């Protein structure tokens, strides 16, 4: 007989490229405004902001290739293409020079955003939760182990909607690099294996509509795809 009132759900997990294994997800952290051009298009000054973060719930993770309904409660659903870090070791108060030793692998990700709800929260001085953390809001492609690909410091990051390029940049344009992000976040959390970090999006974010097909890629990392279905 189970000790649980209800059977616990299956843990969120991400497939590993070229393997039958899956990566169990513990937490999802996201870096805000980590490309200068995107920070400016959002009305912020990238030269004055240290890194800041928000979270997404692992239960809201969806795998590349899925079709998801247009998000509830919004009229302005946006895509944000991102490099995702997957940790494989604990990290607590580490230096940037040691940070890459804790990184297990990388993936392509989409930080889907209810922009109208996020903007309202900003205007009212409220948290971004309703704009950022909702069902199907964290999209991810297969993980590639760092042991197989190394640690990318540059590479084209690109997103298209219905075949038209909307975002086109390079991950070398990150304001805070991968080791700097991991090291900084480790000052505030006991990071663990299973933690994902979405590293921020370049300029060119925009709205999608039901029926749109989103595709993205990062050189050396992989590809990602999502179809926006009709609202429920």
C-alpha atoms as a PDB file:
ATOM      1  CA  UNK A   1       0.000   0.000   0.000  1.00  0.00           C
ATOM      2  CA  UNK A   2       1.329   3.412  -0.970  1.00  0.00           C
ATOM      3  CA  UNK A   3       2.108   6.080   1.615  1.00  0.00           C
ATOM      4  CA  UNK A   4       0.941   8.755  -0.842  1.00  0.00           C
ATOM      5  CA  UNK A   5      -2.611  10.101  -0.929  1.00  0.00           C
ATOM      6  CA  UNK A   6      -2.244  10.337  -4.716  1.00  0.00           C
ATOM      7  CA  UNK A   7       0.325   8.570  -6.880  1.00  0.00           C
ATOM      8  CA  UNK A   8       3.195  11.016  -7.533  1.00  0.00           C
ATOM      9  CA  UNK A   9       3.665  12.066 -11.163  1.00  0.00           C
ATOM     10  CA  UNK A  10       6.525  10.866 -13.301  1.00  0.00           C
ATOM     11  CA  UNK A  11       9.500  13.211 -12.916  1.00  0.00           C
ATOM     12  CA  UNK A  12      10.153  15.679 -15.731  1.00  0.00           C
ATOM     13  CA  UNK A  13      12.942  14.346 -17.951  1.00  0.00           C
ATOM     14  CA  UNK A  14      14.766  15.295 -21.140  1.00  0.00           C
ATOM     15  CA  UNK A  15      16.046  12.824 -23.754  1.00  0.00           C
ATOM     16  CA  UNK A  16      19.795  12.605 -24.335  1.00  0.00           C
ATOM     17  CA  UNK A  17      20.956  12.838 -27.938  1.00  0.00           C
ATOM     18  CA  UNK A  18      22.199   9.490 -29.247  1.00  0.00           C
ATOM     19  CA  UNK A  19      21.242   7.610 -26.079  1.00  0.00           C
ATOM     20  CA  UNK A  20      18.303   5.801 -24.514  1.00  0.00           C
ATOM     21  CA  UNK A  21      19.005   7.619 -21.254  1.00  0.00           C
ATOM     22  CA  UNK A  22      17.025  10.566 -19.973  1.00  0.00           C
ATOM     23  CA  UNK A  23      18.065  13.487 -17.802  1.00  0.00           C
ATOM     24  CA  UNK A  24      15.812  13.934 -14.754  1.00  0.00           C
ATOM     25  CA  UNK A  25      14.965  17.601 -14.175  1.00  0.00           C
ATOM     26  CA  UNK A  26      15.096  18.989 -10.657  1.00  0.00           C
ATOM     27  CA  UNK A  27      14.619  22.749 -11.120  1.00  0.00           C
ATOM     28  CA  UNK A  28      14.483  25.277 -13.965  1.00  0.00           C
ATOM     29  CA  UNK A  29      16.208  28.645 -13.628  1.00  0.00           C
ATOM     30  CA  UNK A  30      16.069  31.356 -16.299  1.00  0.00           C
ATOM     31  CA  UNK A  31      18.342  34.364 -16.790  1.00  0.00           C
ATOM     32  CA  UNK A  32      16.615  37.626 -17.721  1.00  0.00           C
ATOM     33  CA  UNK A  33      17.932  40.079 -20.334  1.00  0.00           C
ATOM     34  CA  UNK A  34      21.259  38.387 -21.012  1.00  0.00           C
ATOM     35  CA  UNK A  35      21.781  39.757 -24.541  1.00  0.00           C
ATOM     36  CA  UNK A  36      22.372  43.511 -24.800  1.00  0.00           C
ATOM     37  CA  UNK A  37      20.209  44.027 -27.899  1.00  0.00           C
ATOM     38  CA  UNK A  38      17.283  42.159 -26.335  1.00  0.00           C
ATOM     39  CA  UNK A  39      17.630  44.156 -23.106  1.00  0.00           C
ATOM     40  CA  UNK A  40      17.387  47.352 -25.164  1.00  0.00           C
ATOM     41  CA  UNK A  41      14.329  46.151 -27.087  1.00  0.00           C
ATOM     42  CA  UNK A  42      12.698  45.508 -23.705  1.00  0.00           C
ATOM     43  CA  UNK A  43      13.538  49.061 -22.608  1.00  0.00           C
ATOM     44  CA  UNK A  44      16.383  48.184 -20.192  1.00  0.00           C
ATOM     45  CA  UNK A  45      20.016  49.285 -19.910  1.00  0.00           C
ATOM     46  CA  UNK A  46      22.223  46.165 -20.228  1.00  0.00           C
ATOM     47  CA  UNK A  47      25.312  47.989 -18.978  1.00  0.00           C
ATOM     48  CA  UNK A  48      23.914  48.506 -15.486  1.00  0.00           C
ATOM     49  CA  UNK A  49      22.279  45.215 -14.563  1.00  0.00           C
ATOM     50  CA  UNK A  50      23.916  42.256 -12.838  1.00  0.00           C
ATOM     51  CA  UNK A  51      22.311  38.916 -13.762  1.00  0.00           C
ATOM     52  CA  UNK A  52      18.837  38.273 -12.405  1.00  0.00           C
ATOM     53  CA  UNK A  53      16.690  35.169 -12.504  1.00  0.00           C
ATOM     54  CA  UNK A  54      13.195  33.736 -12.522  1.00  0.00           C
ATOM     55  CA  UNK A  55      11.962  30.154 -12.330  1.00  0.00           C
ATOM     56  CA  UNK A  56       9.783  27.808 -14.327  1.00  0.00           C
ATOM     57  CA  UNK A  57       8.117  24.716 -12.892  1.00  0.00           C
ATOM     58  CA  UNK A  58       9.520  21.367 -14.155  1.00  0.00           C
ATOM     59  CA  UNK A  59       5.930  20.183 -14.633  1.00  0.00           C
ATOM     60  CA  UNK A  60       5.612  22.866 -17.343  1.00  0.00           C
ATOM     61  CA  UNK A  61       8.466  21.374 -19.390  1.00  0.00           C
ATOM     62  CA  UNK A  62       7.556  20.199 -22.897  1.00  0.00           C
ATOM     63  CA  UNK A  63       9.801  18.382 -25.356  1.00  0.00           C
ATOM     64  CA  UNK A  64      10.784  19.553 -28.819  1.00  0.00           C
ATOM     65  CA  UNK A  65       8.426  18.428 -31.574  1.00  0.00           C
ATOM     66  CA  UNK A  66       5.257  18.835 -29.524  1.00  0.00           C
ATOM     67  CA  UNK A  67       2.068  20.615 -30.494  1.00  0.00           C
ATOM     68  CA  UNK A  68       0.720  22.651 -27.577  1.00  0.00           C
ATOM     69  CA  UNK A  69      -2.467  24.698 -27.289  1.00  0.00           C
ATOM     70  CA  UNK A  70      -2.183  28.472 -27.399  1.00  0.00           C
ATOM     71  CA  UNK A  71      -1.508  29.485 -23.810  1.00  0.00           C
ATOM     72  CA  UNK A  72      -4.378  30.249 -21.463  1.00  0.00           C
ATOM     73  CA  UNK A  73      -5.119  33.809 -20.372  1.00  0.00           C
ATOM     74  CA  UNK A  74      -3.014  35.693 -22.933  1.00  0.00           C
ATOM     75  CA  UNK A  75      -3.452  37.576 -26.180  1.00  0.00           C
ATOM     76  CA  UNK A  76       0.288  38.044 -26.742  1.00  0.00           C
ATOM     77  CA  UNK A  77       2.239  34.766 -26.565  1.00  0.00           C
ATOM     78  CA  UNK A  78       5.945  35.233 -27.367  1.00  0.00           C
ATOM     79  CA  UNK A  79       8.844  32.926 -28.242  1.00  0.00           C
ATOM     80  CA  UNK A  80      12.362  33.334 -26.814  1.00  0.00           C
ATOM     81  CA  UNK A  81      15.124  31.105 -28.207  1.00  0.00           C
ATOM     82  CA  UNK A  82      17.816  30.150 -25.669  1.00  0.00           C
ATOM     83  CA  UNK A  83      20.860  28.022 -24.892  1.00  0.00           C
ATOM     84  CA  UNK A  84      20.100  25.722 -21.942  1.00  0.00           C
ATOM     85  CA  UNK A  85      22.696  24.536 -19.423  1.00  0.00           C
ATOM     86  CA  UNK A  86      22.189  21.169 -17.700  1.00  0.00           C
ATOM     87  CA  UNK A  87      24.129  20.654 -14.479  1.00  0.00           C
ATOM     88  CA  UNK A  88      25.571  17.283 -13.526  1.00  0.00           C
ATOM     89  CA  UNK A  89      27.308  18.057 -10.239  1.00  0.00           C
ATOM     90  CA  UNK A  90      26.620  20.191  -7.149  1.00  0.00           C
ATOM     91  CA  UNK A  91      27.699  23.822  -7.329  1.00  0.00           C
ATOM     92  CA  UNK A  92      27.757  26.044  -4.271  1.00  0.00           C
ATOM     93  CA  UNK A  93      29.670  29.329  -4.036  1.00  0.00           C
ATOM     94  CA  UNK A  94      32.040  28.330  -6.795  1.00  0.00           C
ATOM     95  CA  UNK A  95      34.268  30.547  -8.911  1.00  0.00           C
ATOM     96  CA  UNK A  96      33.720  30.956 -12.670  1.00  0.00           C
ATOM     97  CA  UNK A  97      36.988  29.088 -13.270  1.00  0.00           C
ATOM     98  CA  UNK A  98      35.472  25.962 -11.684  1.00  0.00           C
ATOM     99  CA  UNK A  99      31.926  26.310 -13.015  1.00  0.00           C
ATOM    100  CA  UNK A 100      32.239  24.335 -16.257  1.00  0.00           C
ATOM    101  CA  UNK A 101      33.234  21.242 -14.277  1.00  0.00           C
ATOM    102  CA  UNK A 102      29.656  21.107 -12.971  1.00  0.00           C
ATOM    103  CA  UNK A 103      27.988  21.338 -16.415  1.00  0.00           C
ATOM    104  CA  UNK A 104      26.764  18.000 -17.770  1.00  0.00           C
ATOM    105  CA  UNK A 105      25.456  19.178 -21.136  1.00  0.00           C
ATOM    106  CA  UNK A 106      23.545  21.648 -23.272  1.00  0.00           C
ATOM    107  CA  UNK A 107      20.307  21.909 -25.239  1.00  0.00           C
ATOM    108  CA  UNK A 108      18.206  24.316 -27.271  1.00  0.00           C
ATOM    109  CA  UNK A 109      15.299  25.828 -25.360  1.00  0.00           C
ATOM    110  CA  UNK A 110      12.270  28.063 -25.822  1.00  0.00           C
ATOM    111  CA  UNK A 111      11.223  30.350 -22.980  1.00  0.00           C
ATOM    112  CA  UNK A 112       7.569  30.900 -23.930  1.00  0.00           C
ATOM    113  CA  UNK A 113       6.175  34.094 -22.426  1.00  0.00           C
ATOM    114  CA  UNK A 114       2.721  35.560 -21.864  1.00  0.00           C
ATOM    115  CA  UNK A 115       4.065  39.020 -22.684  1.00  0.00           C
ATOM    116  CA  UNK A 116       0.901  40.961 -21.876  1.00  0.00           C
ATOM    117  CA  UNK A 117       0.739  39.406 -18.403  1.00  0.00           C
ATOM    118  CA  UNK A 118       4.467  39.973 -17.871  1.00  0.00           C
ATOM    119  CA  UNK A 119       4.189  43.636 -18.898  1.00  0.00           C
ATOM    120  CA  UNK A 120       1.236  44.184 -16.572  1.00  0.00           C
ATOM    121  CA  UNK A 121       3.215  42.643 -13.706  1.00  0.00           C
ATOM    122  CA  UNK A 122       6.170  44.934 -14.456  1.00  0.00           C
ATOM    123  CA  UNK A 123       3.952  48.018 -14.479  1.00  0.00           C
ATOM    124  CA  UNK A 124       2.423  47.074 -11.135  1.00  0.00           C
ATOM    125  CA  UNK A 125       5.719  46.047  -9.524  1.00  0.00           C
ATOM    126  CA  UNK A 126       4.589  42.437  -9.181  1.00  0.00           C
ATOM    127  CA  UNK A 127       6.459  39.153  -9.793  1.00  0.00           C
ATOM    128  CA  UNK A 128       6.629  37.790 -13.342  1.00  0.00           C
ATOM    129  CA  UNK A 129       5.229  34.350 -12.473  1.00  0.00           C
ATOM    130  CA  UNK A 130       2.002  34.618 -14.473  1.00  0.00           C
ATOM    131  CA  UNK A 131       3.909  35.821 -17.526  1.00  0.00           C
ATOM    132  CA  UNK A 132       6.683  33.237 -17.424  1.00  0.00           C
ATOM    133  CA  UNK A 133       5.630  30.130 -15.498  1.00  0.00           C
ATOM    134  CA  UNK A 134       2.625  28.428 -17.089  1.00  0.00           C
ATOM    135  CA  UNK A 135       1.762  25.136 -18.760  1.00  0.00           C
ATOM    136  CA  UNK A 136       4.103  24.275 -21.673  1.00  0.00           C
ATOM    137  CA  UNK A 137       6.184  27.412 -21.021  1.00  0.00           C
ATOM    138  CA  UNK A 138       9.596  25.670 -20.966  1.00  0.00           C
ATOM    139  CA  UNK A 139      10.353  23.902 -24.246  1.00  0.00           C
ATOM    140  CA  UNK A 140      13.574  21.910 -24.623  1.00  0.00           C
ATOM    141  CA  UNK A 141      15.357  19.834 -27.239  1.00  0.00           C
ATOM    142  CA  UNK A 142      17.538  16.761 -26.649  1.00  0.00           C
ATOM    143  CA  UNK A 143      20.514  17.271 -24.364  1.00  0.00           C
ATOM    144  CA  UNK A 144      24.026  16.856 -25.733  1.00  0.00           C
ATOM    145  CA  UNK A 145      26.655  15.864 -23.144  1.00  0.00           C
ATOM    146  CA  UNK A 146      29.547  18.279 -22.725  1.00  0.00           C
ATOM    147  CA  UNK A 147      31.818  15.241 -22.863  1.00  0.00           C
ATOM    148  CA  UNK A 148      30.780  14.869 -26.508  1.00  0.00           C
ATOM    149  CA  UNK A 149      30.552  18.505 -27.631  1.00  0.00           C
ATOM    150  CA  UNK A 150      32.684  20.538 -25.244  1.00  0.00           C
ATOM    151  CA  UNK A 151      31.515  23.857 -23.806  1.00  0.00           C
ATOM    152  CA  UNK A 152      30.267  26.251 -26.508  1.00  0.00           C
ATOM    153  CA  UNK A 153      31.419  29.854 -26.168  1.00  0.00           C
ATOM    154  CA  UNK A 154      30.217  30.906 -29.611  1.00  0.00           C
ATOM    155  CA  UNK A 155      27.809  29.672 -32.263  1.00  0.00           C
ATOM    156  CA  UNK A 156      24.874  30.976 -34.247  1.00  0.00           C
ATOM    157  CA  UNK A 157      21.540  30.996 -32.412  1.00  0.00           C
ATOM    158  CA  UNK A 158      18.545  31.305 -34.691  1.00  0.00           C
ATOM    159  CA  UNK A 159      14.743  31.035 -34.577  1.00  0.00           C
ATOM    160  CA  UNK A 160      12.179  30.982 -37.383  1.00  0.00           C
ATOM    161  CA  UNK A 161       8.391  31.140 -37.410  1.00  0.00           C
ATOM    162  CA  UNK A 162       6.750  29.453 -40.399  1.00  0.00           C
ATOM    163  CA  UNK A 163      10.126  29.450 -42.147  1.00  0.00           C
ATOM    164  CA  UNK A 164      10.823  33.163 -41.648  1.00  0.00           C
ATOM    165  CA  UNK A 165      13.860  34.050 -39.525  1.00  0.00           C
ATOM    166  CA  UNK A 166      12.913  36.138 -36.485  1.00  0.00           C
ATOM    167  CA  UNK A 167      15.963  35.783 -34.216  1.00  0.00           C
ATOM    168  CA  UNK A 168      19.541  35.542 -35.505  1.00  0.00           C
ATOM    169  CA  UNK A 169      22.525  36.125 -33.226  1.00  0.00           C
ATOM    170  CA  UNK A 170      25.496  34.346 -31.651  1.00  0.00           C
ATOM    171  CA  UNK A 171      25.830  32.953 -28.127  1.00  0.00           C
ATOM    172  CA  UNK A 172      29.133  34.840 -27.853  1.00  0.00           C
ATOM    173  CA  UNK A 173      26.890  37.902 -27.397  1.00  0.00           C
ATOM    174  CA  UNK A 174      25.755  36.672 -23.965  1.00  0.00           C
ATOM    175  CA  UNK A 175      26.366  39.449 -21.426  1.00  0.00           C
ATOM    176  CA  UNK A 176      27.047  36.814 -18.743  1.00  0.00           C
ATOM    177  CA  UNK A 177      28.801  33.707 -20.051  1.00  0.00           C
ATOM    178  CA  UNK A 178      27.948  30.133 -19.102  1.00  0.00           C
ATOM    179  CA  UNK A 179      30.605  29.844 -16.347  1.00  0.00           C
ATOM    180  CA  UNK A 180      29.717  33.295 -15.011  1.00  0.00           C
ATOM    181  CA  UNK A 181      26.016  32.398 -14.834  1.00  0.00           C
ATOM    182  CA  UNK A 182      26.632  29.118 -13.003  1.00  0.00           C
ATOM    183  CA  UNK A 183      29.068  30.754 -10.588  1.00  0.00           C
ATOM    184  CA  UNK A 184      26.753  33.677  -9.872  1.00  0.00           C
ATOM    185  CA  UNK A 185      23.665  31.525  -9.360  1.00  0.00           C
ATOM    186  CA  UNK A 186      25.648  29.262  -7.032  1.00  0.00           C
ATOM    187  CA  UNK A 187      26.004  32.193  -4.636  1.00  0.00           C
ATOM    188  CA  UNK A 188      22.244  32.057  -4.024  1.00  0.00           C
ATOM    189  CA  UNK A 189      21.374  28.330  -4.324  1.00  0.00           C
ATOM    190  CA  UNK A 190      22.872  24.949  -3.615  1.00  0.00           C
ATOM    191  CA  UNK A 191      22.788  23.952  -7.283  1.00  0.00           C
ATOM    192  CA  UNK A 192      22.483  20.239  -7.987  1.00  0.00           C
ATOM    193  CA  UNK A 193      22.542  17.695 -10.784  1.00  0.00           C
ATOM    194  CA  UNK A 194      19.222  17.964 -12.598  1.00  0.00           C
ATOM    195  CA  UNK A 195      19.084  21.767 -12.513  1.00  0.00           C
ATOM    196  CA  UNK A 196      18.512  23.449 -15.885  1.00  0.00           C
ATOM    197  CA  UNK A 197      19.471  27.062 -16.607  1.00  0.00           C
ATOM    198  CA  UNK A 198      17.938  28.892 -19.572  1.00  0.00           C
ATOM    199  CA  UNK A 199      20.586  31.507 -20.396  1.00  0.00           C
ATOM    200  CA  UNK A 200      18.536  34.286 -22.020  1.00  0.00           C
ATOM    201  CA  UNK A 201      17.384  35.227 -25.509  1.00  0.00           C
ATOM    202  CA  UNK A 202      18.735  37.513 -28.235  1.00  0.00           C
ATOM    203  CA  UNK A 203      16.766  40.319 -29.855  1.00  0.00           C
ATOM    204  CA  UNK A 204      13.849  39.677 -32.196  1.00  0.00           C
ATOM    205  CA  UNK A 205      11.282  38.222 -29.798  1.00  0.00           C
ATOM    206  CA  UNK A 206       7.712  38.378 -31.009  1.00  0.00           C
ATOM    207  CA  UNK A 207       4.220  36.981 -30.950  1.00  0.00           C
ATOM    208  CA  UNK A 208       2.921  33.707 -32.356  1.00  0.00           C
ATOM    209  CA  UNK A 209      -0.587  32.646 -33.313  1.00  0.00           C
ATOM    210  CA  UNK A 210      -2.433  29.319 -33.434  1.00  0.00           C
ATOM    211  CA  UNK A 211      -1.109  27.259 -36.321  1.00  0.00           C
ATOM    212  CA  UNK A 212       2.396  28.758 -36.229  1.00  0.00           C
ATOM    213  CA  UNK A 213       5.400  26.439 -36.432  1.00  0.00           C
ATOM    214  CA  UNK A 214       8.476  27.521 -34.480  1.00  0.00           C
ATOM    215  CA  UNK A 215      11.889  26.084 -35.328  1.00  0.00           C
ATOM    216  CA  UNK A 216      15.250  27.003 -33.843  1.00  0.00           C
ATOM    217  CA  UNK A 217      18.848  25.900 -33.768  1.00  0.00           C
ATOM    218  CA  UNK A 218      22.182  26.618 -32.116  1.00  0.00           C
ATOM    219  CA  UNK A 219      25.371  25.674 -33.957  1.00  0.00           C
ATOM    220  CA  UNK A 220      26.992  22.678 -32.328  1.00  0.00           C
ATOM    221  CA  UNK A 221      24.120  22.157 -29.889  1.00  0.00           C
ATOM    222  CA  UNK A 222      21.077  21.049 -31.856  1.00  0.00           C
ATOM    223  CA  UNK A 223      17.610  22.000 -32.983  1.00  0.00           C
ATOM    224  CA  UNK A 224      14.163  22.579 -31.508  1.00  0.00           C
ATOM    225  CA  UNK A 225      10.615  22.699 -32.854  1.00  0.00           C
ATOM    226  CA  UNK A 226       7.174  23.603 -31.503  1.00  0.00           C
ATOM    227  CA  UNK A 227       3.746  23.947 -33.092  1.00  0.00           C
ATOM    228  CA  UNK A 228       1.171  26.285 -31.567  1.00  0.00           C
ATOM    229  CA  UNK A 229      -2.261  24.667 -31.594  1.00  0.00           C
ATOM    230  CA  UNK A 230      -5.701  26.150 -31.184  1.00  0.00           C
ATOM    231  CA  UNK A 231      -6.637  27.535 -27.747  1.00  0.00           C
ATOM    232  CA  UNK A 232      -8.595  25.212 -25.492  1.00  0.00           C
END
